[in-house]
């Protein structure tokens, strides 16, 4: 018994994509990848900004704990005593004034940084 050989099935293949379609598909994929990277960078920027804002608020609270004014009565008592030289008294007074001034400056810097970080994400012209 001999069987007739079955004809081979033709392999159906879709039409080859046109070069312009391939290029368009590649461009769309590139744009999607660029957008994903931009979104990732934006998310990282916002996360870092939020973390820094939180750190600055913590620093602001800690600076609020620094009370130089409460030290002044003790300084006045030391200055009134005769156990310190005039130069040491002047140094003590001057350094306490500098500490107070620097604490106030630190408060101002922290406030400005908080304001800067709470501004919109858009870069300014010229950056």
PDB file of N, CA and C in Angstrom:
ATOM      1  N   UNK A   1       0.830  -1.144   0.000  1.00  0.00           N
ATOM      2  CA  UNK A   1       0.000   0.000   0.000  1.00  0.00           C
ATOM      3  C   UNK A   1       0.888   1.224   0.000  1.00  0.00           C
ATOM      4  N   UNK A   2       0.771   1.979  -0.989  1.00  0.00           N
ATOM      5  CA  UNK A   2       1.600   3.175  -1.078  1.00  0.00           C
ATOM      6  C   UNK A   2       0.713   4.393  -0.953  1.00  0.00           C
ATOM      7  N   UNK A   3       1.140   5.263  -0.100  1.00  0.00           N
ATOM      8  CA  UNK A   3       0.365   6.481   0.112  1.00  0.00           C
ATOM      9  C   UNK A   3       0.991   7.591  -0.698  1.00  0.00           C
ATOM     10  N   UNK A   4       0.110   8.406  -1.155  1.00  0.00           N
ATOM     11  CA  UNK A   4       0.637   9.569  -1.860  1.00  0.00           C
ATOM     12  C   UNK A   4       1.207  10.539  -0.821  1.00  0.00           C
ATOM     13  N   UNK A   5       2.359  11.098  -1.093  1.00  0.00           N
ATOM     14  CA  UNK A   5       2.920  12.058  -0.129  1.00  0.00           C
ATOM     15  C   UNK A   5       2.002  13.287  -0.003  1.00  0.00           C
ATOM     16  N   UNK A   6       1.824  13.681   1.231  1.00  0.00           N
ATOM     17  CA  UNK A   6       0.976  14.856   1.468  1.00  0.00           C
ATOM     18  C   UNK A   6       1.739  16.108   1.045  1.00  0.00           C
ATOM     19  N   UNK A   7       1.063  17.041   0.430  1.00  0.00           N
ATOM     20  CA  UNK A   7       1.766  18.274   0.032  1.00  0.00           C
ATOM     21  C   UNK A   7       2.179  19.065   1.274  1.00  0.00           C
ATOM     22  N   UNK A   8       3.317  19.650   1.158  1.00  0.00           N
ATOM     23  CA  UNK A   8       3.809  20.455   2.287  1.00  0.00           C
ATOM     24  C   UNK A   8       2.937  21.687   2.440  1.00  0.00           C
ATOM     25  N   UNK A   9       2.689  21.995   3.692  1.00  0.00           N
ATOM     26  CA  UNK A   9       1.934  23.221   3.935  1.00  0.00           C
ATOM     27  C   UNK A   9       2.852  24.405   3.710  1.00  0.00           C
ATOM     28  N   UNK A  10       2.285  25.414   3.166  1.00  0.00           N
ATOM     29  CA  UNK A  10       3.108  26.614   2.990  1.00  0.00           C
ATOM     30  C   UNK A  10       3.186  27.341   4.331  1.00  0.00           C
ATOM     31  N   UNK A  11       4.339  27.864   4.591  1.00  0.00           N
ATOM     32  CA  UNK A  11       4.526  28.612   5.834  1.00  0.00           C
ATOM     33  C   UNK A  11       3.977  30.012   5.597  1.00  0.00           C
ATOM     34  N   UNK A  12       2.953  30.317   6.353  1.00  0.00           N
ATOM     35  CA  UNK A  12       2.351  31.633   6.180  1.00  0.00           C
ATOM     36  C   UNK A  12       3.117  32.639   7.026  1.00  0.00           C
ATOM     37  N   UNK A  13       3.547  33.617   6.375  1.00  0.00           N
ATOM     38  CA  UNK A  13       4.290  34.667   7.065  1.00  0.00           C
ATOM     39  C   UNK A  13       3.655  35.985   6.670  1.00  0.00           C
ATOM     40  N   UNK A  14       3.516  36.857   7.669  1.00  0.00           N
ATOM     41  CA  UNK A  14       2.931  38.161   7.383  1.00  0.00           C
ATOM     42  C   UNK A  14       3.867  38.972   6.511  1.00  0.00           C
ATOM     43  N   UNK A  15       3.338  40.004   5.944  1.00  0.00           N
ATOM     44  CA  UNK A  15       4.191  40.841   5.098  1.00  0.00           C
ATOM     45  C   UNK A  15       5.293  41.496   5.938  1.00  0.00           C
ATOM     46  N   UNK A  16       6.420  41.643   5.350  1.00  0.00           N
ATOM     47  CA  UNK A  16       7.523  42.308   6.040  1.00  0.00           C
ATOM     48  C   UNK A  16       7.102  43.741   6.346  1.00  0.00           C
ATOM     49  N   UNK A  17       7.439  44.221   7.558  1.00  0.00           N
ATOM     50  CA  UNK A  17       7.059  45.602   7.858  1.00  0.00           C
ATOM     51  C   UNK A  17       7.850  46.555   6.969  1.00  0.00           C
ATOM     52  N   UNK A  18       7.176  47.585   6.628  1.00  0.00           N
ATOM     53  CA  UNK A  18       7.847  48.600   5.830  1.00  0.00           C
ATOM     54  C   UNK A  18       8.906  49.275   6.693  1.00  0.00           C
ATOM     55  N   UNK A  19       9.938  49.758   6.061  1.00  0.00           N
ATOM     56  CA  UNK A  19      11.031  50.383   6.790  1.00  0.00           C
ATOM     57  C   UNK A  19      10.512  51.571   7.602  1.00  0.00           C
ATOM     58  N   UNK A  20       9.595  52.324   7.046  1.00  0.00           N
ATOM     59  CA  UNK A  20       9.090  53.498   7.760  1.00  0.00           C
ATOM     60  C   UNK A  20       8.301  53.069   8.996  1.00  0.00           C
ATOM     61  N   UNK A  21       7.593  51.939   8.934  1.00  0.00           N
ATOM     62  CA  UNK A  21       6.864  51.448  10.100  1.00  0.00           C
ATOM     63  C   UNK A  21       7.830  51.008  11.192  1.00  0.00           C
ATOM     64  N   UNK A  22       8.909  50.349  10.821  1.00  0.00           N
ATOM     65  CA  UNK A  22       9.913  49.911  11.786  1.00  0.00           C
ATOM     66  C   UNK A  22      10.543  51.126  12.467  1.00  0.00           C
ATOM     67  N   UNK A  23      10.866  52.125  11.689  1.00  0.00           N
ATOM     68  CA  UNK A  23      11.474  53.352  12.216  1.00  0.00           C
ATOM     69  C   UNK A  23      10.493  54.065  13.149  1.00  0.00           C
ATOM     70  N   UNK A  24       9.244  54.123  12.762  1.00  0.00           N
ATOM     71  CA  UNK A  24       8.239  54.777  13.599  1.00  0.00           C
ATOM     72  C   UNK A  24       8.069  54.022  14.915  1.00  0.00           C
ATOM     73  N   UNK A  25       8.056  52.704  14.845  1.00  0.00           N
ATOM     74  CA  UNK A  25       7.931  51.890  16.057  1.00  0.00           C
ATOM     75  C   UNK A  25       9.129  52.112  16.969  1.00  0.00           C
ATOM     76  N   UNK A  26      10.316  52.179  16.387  1.00  0.00           N
ATOM     77  CA  UNK A  26      11.525  52.416  17.179  1.00  0.00           C
ATOM     78  C   UNK A  26      11.471  53.797  17.828  1.00  0.00           C
ATOM     79  N   UNK A  27      11.016  54.794  17.083  1.00  0.00           N
ATOM     80  CA  UNK A  27      10.923  56.154  17.637  1.00  0.00           C
ATOM     81  C   UNK A  27       9.921  56.204  18.794  1.00  0.00           C
ATOM     82  N   UNK A  28       8.792  55.535  18.633  1.00  0.00           N
ATOM     83  CA  UNK A  28       7.795  55.503  19.699  1.00  0.00           C
ATOM     84  C   UNK A  28       8.386  54.832  20.938  1.00  0.00           C
ATOM     85  N   UNK A  29       9.115  53.739  20.757  1.00  0.00           N
ATOM     86  CA  UNK A  29       9.743  53.040  21.885  1.00  0.00           C
ATOM     87  C   UNK A  29      10.792  53.927  22.550  1.00  0.00           C
ATOM     88  N   UNK A  30      11.583  54.649  21.745  1.00  0.00           N
ATOM     89  CA  UNK A  30      12.586  55.554  22.307  1.00  0.00           C
ATOM     90  C   UNK A  30      11.924  56.672  23.108  1.00  0.00           C
ATOM     91  N   UNK A  31      10.856  57.227  22.569  1.00  0.00           N
ATOM     92  CA  UNK A  31      10.150  58.296  23.282  1.00  0.00           C
ATOM     93  C   UNK A  31       9.565  57.776  24.594  1.00  0.00           C
ATOM     94  N   UNK A  32       9.017  56.570  24.565  1.00  0.00           N
ATOM     95  CA  UNK A  32       8.467  55.980  25.785  1.00  0.00           C
ATOM     96  C   UNK A  32       9.568  55.765  26.819  1.00  0.00           C
ATOM     97  N   UNK A  33      10.733  55.319  26.361  1.00  0.00           N
ATOM     98  CA  UNK A  33      11.853  55.101  27.282  1.00  0.00           C
ATOM     99  C   UNK A  33      12.337  56.434  27.857  1.00  0.00           C
ATOM    100  N   UNK A  34      12.413  57.468  27.014  1.00  0.00           N
ATOM    101  CA  UNK A  34      12.828  58.787  27.495  1.00  0.00           C
ATOM    102  C   UNK A  34      11.834  59.328  28.519  1.00  0.00           C
ATOM    103  N   UNK A  35      10.541  59.128  28.251  1.00  0.00           N
ATOM    104  CA  UNK A  35       9.512  59.599  29.174  1.00  0.00           C
ATOM    105  C   UNK A  35       9.601  58.857  30.505  1.00  0.00           C
ATOM    106  N   UNK A  36       9.855  57.563  30.439  1.00  0.00           N
ATOM    107  CA  UNK A  36       9.998  56.776  31.666  1.00  0.00           C
ATOM    108  C   UNK A  36      11.195  57.265  32.474  1.00  0.00           C
ATOM    109  N   UNK A  37      12.297  57.563  31.803  1.00  0.00           N
ATOM    110  CA  UNK A  37      13.491  58.068  32.488  1.00  0.00           C
ATOM    111  C   UNK A  37      13.213  59.445  33.100  1.00  0.00           C
ATOM    112  N   UNK A  38      12.510  60.296  32.366  1.00  0.00           N
ATOM    113  CA  UNK A  38      12.150  61.618  32.886  1.00  0.00           C
ATOM    114  C   UNK A  38      11.263  61.474  34.119  1.00  0.00           C
ATOM    115  N   UNK A  39      10.293  60.576  34.062  1.00  0.00           N
ATOM    116  CA  UNK A  39       9.413  60.350  35.210  1.00  0.00           C
ATOM    117  C   UNK A  39      10.194  59.829  36.410  1.00  0.00           C
ATOM    118  N   UNK A  40      11.165  58.935  36.164  1.00  0.00           N
ATOM    119  CA  UNK A  40      11.987  58.396  37.245  1.00  0.00           C
ATOM    120  C   UNK A  40      12.811  59.506  37.898  1.00  0.00           C
ATOM    121  N   UNK A  41      13.393  60.367  37.066  1.00  0.00           N
ATOM    122  CA  UNK A  41      14.191  61.474  37.610  1.00  0.00           C
ATOM    123  C   UNK A  41      13.325  62.456  38.393  1.00  0.00           C
ATOM    124  N   UNK A  42      12.116  62.746  37.874  1.00  0.00           N
ATOM    125  CA  UNK A  42      11.201  63.636  38.588  1.00  0.00           C
ATOM    126  C   UNK A  42      10.822  63.059  39.941  1.00  0.00           C
ATOM    127  N   UNK A  43      10.549  61.757  39.969  1.00  0.00           N
ATOM    128  CA  UNK A  43      10.171  61.110  41.219  1.00  0.00           C
ATOM    129  C   UNK A  43      11.335  61.144  42.214  1.00  0.00           C
ATOM    130  N   UNK A  44      12.548  60.895  41.737  1.00  0.00           N
ATOM    131  CA  UNK A  44      13.725  60.943  42.605  1.00  0.00           C
ATOM    132  C   UNK A  44      13.951  62.363  43.127  1.00  0.00           C
ATOM    133  N   UNK A  45      13.759  63.354  42.255  1.00  0.00           N
ATOM    134  CA  UNK A  45      13.908  64.757  42.661  1.00  0.00           C
ATOM    135  C   UNK A  45      12.916  65.096  43.776  1.00  0.00           C
ATOM    136  N   UNK A  46      11.654  64.734  43.574  1.00  0.00           N
ATOM    137  CA  UNK A  46      10.626  65.037  44.580  1.00  0.00           C
ATOM    138  C   UNK A  46      10.900  64.309  45.892  1.00  0.00           C
ATOM    139  N   UNK A  47      11.350  63.071  45.795  1.00  0.00           N
ATOM    140  CA  UNK A  47      11.658  62.304  47.006  1.00  0.00           C
ATOM    141  C   UNK A  47      12.791  62.979  47.779  1.00  0.00           C
ATOM    142  N   UNK A  48      13.866  63.346  47.085  1.00  0.00           N
ATOM    143  CA  UNK A  48      14.996  64.003  47.749  1.00  0.00           C
ATOM    144  C   UNK A  48      14.591  65.357  48.321  1.00  0.00           C
ATOM    145  N   UNK A  49      13.751  66.096  47.582  1.00  0.00           N
ATOM    146  CA  UNK A  49      13.285  67.396  48.071  1.00  0.00           C
ATOM    147  C   UNK A  49      12.460  67.213  49.341  1.00  0.00           C
ATOM    148  N   UNK A  50      11.590  66.209  49.352  1.00  0.00           N
ATOM    149  CA  UNK A  50      10.760  65.964  50.531  1.00  0.00           C
ATOM    150  C   UNK A  50      11.611  65.537  51.728  1.00  0.00           C
ATOM    151  N   UNK A  51      12.607  64.687  51.485  1.00  0.00           N
ATOM    152  CA  UNK A  51      13.491  64.261  52.574  1.00  0.00           C
ATOM    153  C   UNK A  51      14.283  65.440  53.130  1.00  0.00           C
ATOM    154  N   UNK A  52      14.777  66.296  52.249  1.00  0.00           N
ATOM    155  CA  UNK A  52      15.528  67.463  52.697  1.00  0.00           C
ATOM    156  C   UNK A  52      14.624  68.426  53.460  1.00  0.00           C
ATOM    157  N   UNK A  53      13.402  68.591  52.993  1.00  0.00           N
ATOM    158  CA  UNK A  53      12.454  69.457  53.706  1.00  0.00           C
ATOM    159  C   UNK A  53      12.202  68.935  55.117  1.00  0.00           C
ATOM    160  N   UNK A  54      12.049  67.625  55.236  1.00  0.00           N
ATOM    161  CA  UNK A  54      11.834  67.026  56.551  1.00  0.00           C
ATOM    162  C   UNK A  54      13.059  67.254  57.446  1.00  0.00           C
ATOM    163  N   UNK A  55      14.260  67.076  56.889  1.00  0.00           N
ATOM    164  CA  UNK A  55      15.484  67.312  57.668  1.00  0.00           C
ATOM    165  C   UNK A  55      15.581  68.767  58.114  1.00  0.00           C
ATOM    166  N   UNK A  56      15.189  69.682  57.227  1.00  0.00           N
ATOM    167  CA  UNK A  56      15.251  71.103  57.581  1.00  0.00           C
ATOM    168  C   UNK A  56      14.248  71.446  58.685  1.00  0.00           C
ATOM    169  N   UNK A  57      13.080  70.848  58.633  1.00  0.00           N
ATOM    170  CA  UNK A  57      12.102  71.087  59.707  1.00  0.00           C
ATOM    171  C   UNK A  57      12.636  70.575  61.044  1.00  0.00           C
ATOM    172  N   UNK A  58      13.299  69.423  61.011  1.00  0.00           N
ATOM    173  CA  UNK A  58      13.905  68.879  62.226  1.00  0.00           C
ATOM    174  C   UNK A  58      14.989  69.831  62.739  1.00  0.00           C
ATOM    175  N   UNK A  59      15.817  70.331  61.832  1.00  0.00           N
ATOM    176  CA  UNK A  59      16.863  71.271  62.220  1.00  0.00           C
ATOM    177  C   UNK A  59      16.261  72.541  62.805  1.00  0.00           C
ATOM    178  N   UNK A  60      15.172  72.992  62.199  1.00  0.00           N
ATOM    179  CA  UNK A  60      14.497  74.193  62.698  1.00  0.00           C
ATOM    180  C   UNK A  60      14.002  73.972  64.135  1.00  0.00           C
ATOM    181  N   UNK A  61      13.434  72.790  64.396  1.00  0.00           N
ATOM    182  CA  UNK A  61      12.984  72.477  65.766  1.00  0.00           C
ATOM    183  C   UNK A  61      14.167  72.451  66.731  1.00  0.00           C
ATOM    184  N   UNK A  62      15.281  71.867  66.284  1.00  0.00           N
ATOM    185  CA  UNK A  62      16.459  71.791  67.152  1.00  0.00           C
ATOM    186  C   UNK A  62      17.027  73.181  67.427  1.00  0.00           C
ATOM    187  N   UNK A  63      17.003  74.040  66.413  1.00  0.00           N
ATOM    188  CA  UNK A  63      17.487  75.407  66.626  1.00  0.00           C
ATOM    189  C   UNK A  63      16.588  76.146  67.615  1.00  0.00           C
ATOM    190  N   UNK A  64      15.305  75.807  67.597  1.00  0.00           N
ATOM    191  CA  UNK A  64      14.385  76.421  68.545  1.00  0.00           C
ATOM    192  C   UNK A  64      14.704  76.061  69.987  1.00  0.00           C
ATOM    193  N   UNK A  65      15.388  74.939  70.178  1.00  0.00           N
ATOM    194  CA  UNK A  65      15.763  74.522  71.531  1.00  0.00           C
ATOM    195  C   UNK A  65      16.960  75.307  72.067  1.00  0.00           C
ATOM    196  N   UNK A  66      17.709  75.950  71.167  1.00  0.00           N
ATOM    197  CA  UNK A  66      18.870  76.723  71.596  1.00  0.00           C
ATOM    198  C   UNK A  66      18.391  78.067  72.152  1.00  0.00           C
ATOM    199  N   UNK A  67      18.464  78.214  73.439  1.00  0.00           N
ATOM    200  CA  UNK A  67      18.004  79.438  74.090  1.00  0.00           C
ATOM    201  C   UNK A  67      19.198  80.156  74.707  1.00  0.00           C
ATOM    202  N   UNK A  68      19.752  81.087  73.963  1.00  0.00           N
ATOM    203  CA  UNK A  68      20.913  81.839  74.442  1.00  0.00           C
ATOM    204  C   UNK A  68      20.481  82.837  75.517  1.00  0.00           C
ATOM    205  N   UNK A  69      19.252  83.340  75.404  1.00  0.00           N
ATOM    206  CA  UNK A  69      18.777  84.344  76.363  1.00  0.00           C
ATOM    207  C   UNK A  69      18.770  83.812  77.799  1.00  0.00           C
ATOM    208  N   UNK A  70      18.522  82.523  77.954  1.00  0.00           N
ATOM    209  CA  UNK A  70      18.477  81.963  79.316  1.00  0.00           C
ATOM    210  C   UNK A  70      19.860  81.932  79.967  1.00  0.00           C
ATOM    211  N   UNK A  71      20.898  82.052  79.150  1.00  0.00           N
ATOM    212  CA  UNK A  71      22.261  82.046  79.696  1.00  0.00           C
ATOM    213  C   UNK A  71      22.676  83.423  80.200  1.00  0.00           C
ATOM    214  N   UNK A  72      21.996  84.458  79.764  1.00  0.00           N
ATOM    215  CA  UNK A  72      22.419  85.821  80.068  1.00  0.00           C
ATOM    216  C   UNK A  72      22.503  86.113  81.563  1.00  0.00           C
ATOM    217  N   UNK A  73      21.541  85.695  82.401  1.00  0.00           N
ATOM    218  CA  UNK A  73      21.681  85.982  83.845  1.00  0.00           C
ATOM    219  C   UNK A  73      22.949  85.360  84.445  1.00  0.00           C
ATOM    220  N   UNK A  74      23.289  84.161  84.015  1.00  0.00           N
ATOM    221  CA  UNK A  74      24.505  83.521  84.535  1.00  0.00           C
ATOM    222  C   UNK A  74      25.748  84.282  84.079  1.00  0.00           C
ATOM    223  N   UNK A  75      25.713  84.729  82.823  1.00  0.00           N
ATOM    224  CA  UNK A  75      26.843  85.510  82.297  1.00  0.00           C
ATOM    225  C   UNK A  75      26.976  86.806  83.087  1.00  0.00           C
ATOM    226  N   UNK A  76      25.849  87.448  83.361  1.00  0.00           N
ATOM    227  CA  UNK A  76      25.881  88.701  84.117  1.00  0.00           C
ATOM    228  C   UNK A  76      26.484  88.485  85.512  1.00  0.00           C
ATOM    229  N   UNK A  77      26.127  87.371  86.133  1.00  0.00           N
ATOM    230  CA  UNK A  77      26.697  87.076  87.460  1.00  0.00           C
ATOM    231  C   UNK A  77      28.203  86.857  87.368  1.00  0.00           C
ATOM    232  N   UNK A  78      28.651  86.142  86.342  1.00  0.00           N
ATOM    233  CA  UNK A  78      30.089  85.914  86.179  1.00  0.00           C
ATOM    234  C   UNK A  78      30.828  87.230  85.917  1.00  0.00           C
ATOM    235  N   UNK A  79      30.218  88.076  85.127  1.00  0.00           N
ATOM    236  CA  UNK A  79      30.859  89.362  84.813  1.00  0.00           C
ATOM    237  C   UNK A  79      30.920  90.231  86.070  1.00  0.00           C
ATOM    238  N   UNK A  80      29.895  90.147  86.892  1.00  0.00           N
ATOM    239  CA  UNK A  80      29.858  90.955  88.125  1.00  0.00           C
ATOM    240  C   UNK A  80      30.887  90.479  89.148  1.00  0.00           C
ATOM    241  N   UNK A  81      31.287  89.221  89.050  1.00  0.00           N
ATOM    242  CA  UNK A  81      32.256  88.718  90.026  1.00  0.00           C
ATOM    243  C   UNK A  81      33.640  89.284  89.723  1.00  0.00           C
ATOM    244  N   UNK A  82      34.489  89.220  90.717  1.00  0.00           N
ATOM    245  CA  UNK A  82      35.856  89.721  90.531  1.00  0.00           C
ATOM    246  C   UNK A  82      36.832  88.589  90.239  1.00  0.00           C
ATOM    247  N   UNK A  83      36.319  87.432  89.884  1.00  0.00           N
ATOM    248  CA  UNK A  83      37.184  86.274  89.685  1.00  0.00           C
ATOM    249  C   UNK A  83      37.633  86.116  88.235  1.00  0.00           C
ATOM    250  N   UNK A  84      37.151  86.964  87.338  1.00  0.00           N
ATOM    251  CA  UNK A  84      37.538  86.878  85.921  1.00  0.00           C
ATOM    252  C   UNK A  84      38.236  88.172  85.525  1.00  0.00           C
ATOM    253  N   UNK A  85      39.206  88.035  84.643  1.00  0.00           N
ATOM    254  CA  UNK A  85      39.883  89.231  84.143  1.00  0.00           C
ATOM    255  C   UNK A  85      38.936  89.984  83.203  1.00  0.00           C
ATOM    256  N   UNK A  86      39.249  91.240  82.966  1.00  0.00           N
ATOM    257  CA  UNK A  86      38.420  92.061  82.080  1.00  0.00           C
ATOM    258  C   UNK A  86      38.411  91.492  80.659  1.00  0.00           C
ATOM    259  N   UNK A  87      39.533  90.969  80.219  1.00  0.00           N
ATOM    260  CA  UNK A  87      39.581  90.410  78.860  1.00  0.00           C
ATOM    261  C   UNK A  87      38.733  89.141  78.773  1.00  0.00           C
ATOM    262  N   UNK A  88      38.734  88.333  79.833  1.00  0.00           N
ATOM    263  CA  UNK A  88      37.913  87.115  79.840  1.00  0.00           C
ATOM    264  C   UNK A  88      36.434  87.482  79.863  1.00  0.00           C
ATOM    265  N   UNK A  89      36.068  88.507  80.629  1.00  0.00           N
ATOM    266  CA  UNK A  89      34.674  88.957  80.672  1.00  0.00           C
ATOM    267  C   UNK A  89      34.222  89.447  79.292  1.00  0.00           C
ATOM    268  N   UNK A  90      35.087  90.213  78.647  1.00  0.00           N
ATOM    269  CA  UNK A  90      34.760  90.735  77.320  1.00  0.00           C
ATOM    270  C   UNK A  90      34.633  89.579  76.310  1.00  0.00           C
ATOM    271  N   UNK A  91      35.533  88.617  76.428  1.00  0.00           N
ATOM    272  CA  UNK A  91      35.501  87.452  75.539  1.00  0.00           C
ATOM    273  C   UNK A  91      34.205  86.666  75.743  1.00  0.00           C
ATOM    274  N   UNK A  92      33.830  86.447  77.009  1.00  0.00           N
ATOM    275  CA  UNK A  92      32.599  85.730  77.332  1.00  0.00           C
ATOM    276  C   UNK A  92      31.381  86.450  76.745  1.00  0.00           C
ATOM    277  N   UNK A  93      31.301  87.729  76.948  1.00  0.00           N
ATOM    278  CA  UNK A  93      30.168  88.508  76.435  1.00  0.00           C
ATOM    279  C   UNK A  93      30.134  88.469  74.909  1.00  0.00           C
ATOM    280  N   UNK A  94      31.290  88.687  74.298  1.00  0.00           N
ATOM    281  CA  UNK A  94      31.356  88.706  72.834  1.00  0.00           C
ATOM    282  C   UNK A  94      30.991  87.372  72.205  1.00  0.00           C
ATOM    283  N   UNK A  95      31.471  86.299  72.786  1.00  0.00           N
ATOM    284  CA  UNK A  95      31.171  84.966  72.225  1.00  0.00           C
ATOM    285  C   UNK A  95      29.692  84.622  72.377  1.00  0.00           C
ATOM    286  N   UNK A  96      29.107  84.994  73.505  1.00  0.00           N
ATOM    287  CA  UNK A  96      27.678  84.739  73.687  1.00  0.00           C
ATOM    288  C   UNK A  96      26.858  85.541  72.665  1.00  0.00           C
ATOM    289  N   UNK A  97      27.259  86.772  72.423  1.00  0.00           N
ATOM    290  CA  UNK A  97      26.576  87.584  71.405  1.00  0.00           C
ATOM    291  C   UNK A  97      26.721  86.946  70.022  1.00  0.00           C
ATOM    292  N   UNK A  98      27.902  86.418  69.721  1.00  0.00           N
ATOM    293  CA  UNK A  98      28.132  85.772  68.423  1.00  0.00           C
ATOM    294  C   UNK A  98      27.275  84.511  68.282  1.00  0.00           C
ATOM    295  N   UNK A  99      27.176  83.733  69.356  1.00  0.00           N
ATOM    296  CA  UNK A  99      26.342  82.527  69.313  1.00  0.00           C
ATOM    297  C   UNK A  99      24.897  82.926  69.024  1.00  0.00           C
ATOM    298  N   UNK A 100      24.408  83.934  69.731  1.00  0.00           N
ATOM    299  CA  UNK A 100      23.028  84.389  69.529  1.00  0.00           C
ATOM    300  C   UNK A 100      22.818  84.856  68.082  1.00  0.00           C
ATOM    301  N   UNK A 101      23.774  85.618  67.572  1.00  0.00           N
ATOM    302  CA  UNK A 101      23.682  86.119  66.197  1.00  0.00           C
ATOM    303  C   UNK A 101      23.678  84.961  65.196  1.00  0.00           C
ATOM    304  N   UNK A 102      24.539  83.985  65.412  1.00  0.00           N
ATOM    305  CA  UNK A 102      24.624  82.863  64.479  1.00  0.00           C
ATOM    306  C   UNK A 102      23.378  81.975  64.529  1.00  0.00           C
ATOM    307  N   UNK A 103      22.797  81.816  65.703  1.00  0.00           N
ATOM    308  CA  UNK A 103      21.554  81.043  65.799  1.00  0.00           C
ATOM    309  C   UNK A 103      20.461  81.737  64.985  1.00  0.00           C
ATOM    310  N   UNK A 104      20.381  83.056  65.106  1.00  0.00           N
ATOM    311  CA  UNK A 104      19.376  83.813  64.334  1.00  0.00           C
ATOM    312  C   UNK A 104      19.635  83.685  62.833  1.00  0.00           C
ATOM    313  N   UNK A 105      20.901  83.742  62.436  1.00  0.00           N
ATOM    314  CA  UNK A 105      21.241  83.584  61.013  1.00  0.00           C
ATOM    315  C   UNK A 105      20.900  82.182  60.514  1.00  0.00           C
ATOM    316  N   UNK A 106      21.164  81.190  61.344  1.00  0.00           N
ATOM    317  CA  UNK A 106      20.814  79.819  60.957  1.00  0.00           C
ATOM    318  C   UNK A 106      19.299  79.676  60.763  1.00  0.00           C
ATOM    319  N   UNK A 107      18.528  80.292  61.658  1.00  0.00           N
ATOM    320  CA  UNK A 107      17.067  80.281  61.493  1.00  0.00           C
ATOM    321  C   UNK A 107      16.677  80.897  60.148  1.00  0.00           C
ATOM    322  N   UNK A 108      17.280  82.008  59.810  1.00  0.00           N
ATOM    323  CA  UNK A 108      16.959  82.678  58.539  1.00  0.00           C
ATOM    324  C   UNK A 108      17.324  81.789  57.349  1.00  0.00           C
ATOM    325  N   UNK A 109      18.485  81.156  57.401  1.00  0.00           N
ATOM    326  CA  UNK A 109      18.907  80.280  56.300  1.00  0.00           C
ATOM    327  C   UNK A 109      17.958  79.090  56.152  1.00  0.00           C
ATOM    328  N   UNK A 110      17.574  78.503  57.263  1.00  0.00           N
ATOM    329  CA  UNK A 110      16.653  77.365  57.212  1.00  0.00           C
ATOM    330  C   UNK A 110      15.311  77.800  56.628  1.00  0.00           C
ATOM    331  N   UNK A 111      14.808  78.948  57.064  1.00  0.00           N
ATOM    332  CA  UNK A 111      13.531  79.450  56.533  1.00  0.00           C
ATOM    333  C   UNK A 111      13.612  79.674  55.027  1.00  0.00           C
ATOM    334  N   UNK A 112      14.720  80.234  54.567  1.00  0.00           N
ATOM    335  CA  UNK A 112      14.885  80.480  53.128  1.00  0.00           C
ATOM    336  C   UNK A 112      14.978  79.168  52.350  1.00  0.00           C
ATOM    337  N   UNK A 113      15.667  78.182  52.915  1.00  0.00           N
ATOM    338  CA  UNK A 113      15.755  76.882  52.252  1.00  0.00           C
ATOM    339  C   UNK A 113      14.390  76.199  52.174  1.00  0.00           C
ATOM    340  N   UNK A 114      13.620  76.291  53.246  1.00  0.00           N
ATOM    341  CA  UNK A 114      12.280  75.704  53.237  1.00  0.00           C
ATOM    342  C   UNK A 114      11.431  76.381  52.164  1.00  0.00           C
ATOM    343  N   UNK A 115      11.521  77.700  52.061  1.00  0.00           N
ATOM    344  CA  UNK A 115      10.766  78.430  51.035  1.00  0.00           C
ATOM    345  C   UNK A 115      11.228  78.025  49.635  1.00  0.00           C
ATOM    346  N   UNK A 116      12.523  77.863  49.468  1.00  0.00           N
ATOM    347  CA  UNK A 116      13.064  77.450  48.170  1.00  0.00           C
ATOM    348  C   UNK A 116      12.568  76.065  47.776  1.00  0.00           C
ATOM    349  N   UNK A 117      12.541  75.161  48.725  1.00  0.00           N
ATOM    350  CA  UNK A 117      12.120  73.793  48.435  1.00  0.00           C
ATOM    351  C   UNK A 117      10.613  73.672  48.225  1.00  0.00           C
ATOM    352  N   UNK A 118       9.861  74.626  48.727  1.00  0.00           N
ATOM    353  CA  UNK A 118       8.408  74.556  48.547  1.00  0.00           C
ATOM    354  C   UNK A 118       7.962  75.256  47.271  1.00  0.00           C
ATOM    355  N   UNK A 119       8.907  75.820  46.509  1.00  0.00           N
ATOM    356  CA  UNK A 119       8.555  76.465  45.246  1.00  0.00           C
ATOM    357  C   UNK A 119       8.300  75.398  44.179  1.00  0.00           C
ATOM    358  N   UNK A 120       7.671  75.778  43.074  1.00  0.00           N
ATOM    359  CA  UNK A 120       7.353  74.798  42.016  1.00  0.00           C
ATOM    360  C   UNK A 120       8.604  74.109  41.475  1.00  0.00           C
ATOM    361  N   UNK A 121       8.366  72.959  40.839  1.00  0.00           N
ATOM    362  CA  UNK A 121       9.461  72.145  40.300  1.00  0.00           C
ATOM    363  C   UNK A 121      10.088  72.744  39.043  1.00  0.00           C
ATOM    364  N   UNK A 122       9.443  73.703  38.444  1.00  0.00           N
ATOM    365  CA  UNK A 122       9.907  74.218  37.153  1.00  0.00           C
ATOM    366  C   UNK A 122      11.245  74.933  37.325  1.00  0.00           C
ATOM    367  N   UNK A 123      12.226  74.591  36.477  1.00  0.00           N
ATOM    368  CA  UNK A 123      13.498  75.308  36.533  1.00  0.00           C
ATOM    369  C   UNK A 123      13.310  76.740  36.044  1.00  0.00           C
ATOM    370  N   UNK A 124      14.063  77.632  36.627  1.00  0.00           N
ATOM    371  CA  UNK A 124      13.982  79.032  36.213  1.00  0.00           C
ATOM    372  C   UNK A 124      14.665  79.226  34.876  1.00  0.00           C
ATOM    373  N   UNK A 125      14.301  80.277  34.183  1.00  0.00           N
ATOM    374  CA  UNK A 125      14.942  80.585  32.904  1.00  0.00           C
ATOM    375  C   UNK A 125      16.404  80.895  33.163  1.00  0.00           C
ATOM    376  N   UNK A 126      17.253  80.378  32.314  1.00  0.00           N
ATOM    377  CA  UNK A 126      18.683  80.627  32.463  1.00  0.00           C
ATOM    378  C   UNK A 126      19.405  79.491  33.140  1.00  0.00           C
ATOM    379  N   UNK A 127      18.686  78.510  33.644  1.00  0.00           N
ATOM    380  CA  UNK A 127      19.354  77.361  34.278  1.00  0.00           C
ATOM    381  C   UNK A 127      19.717  76.342  33.262  1.00  0.00           C
TER     382      UNK A 127
END
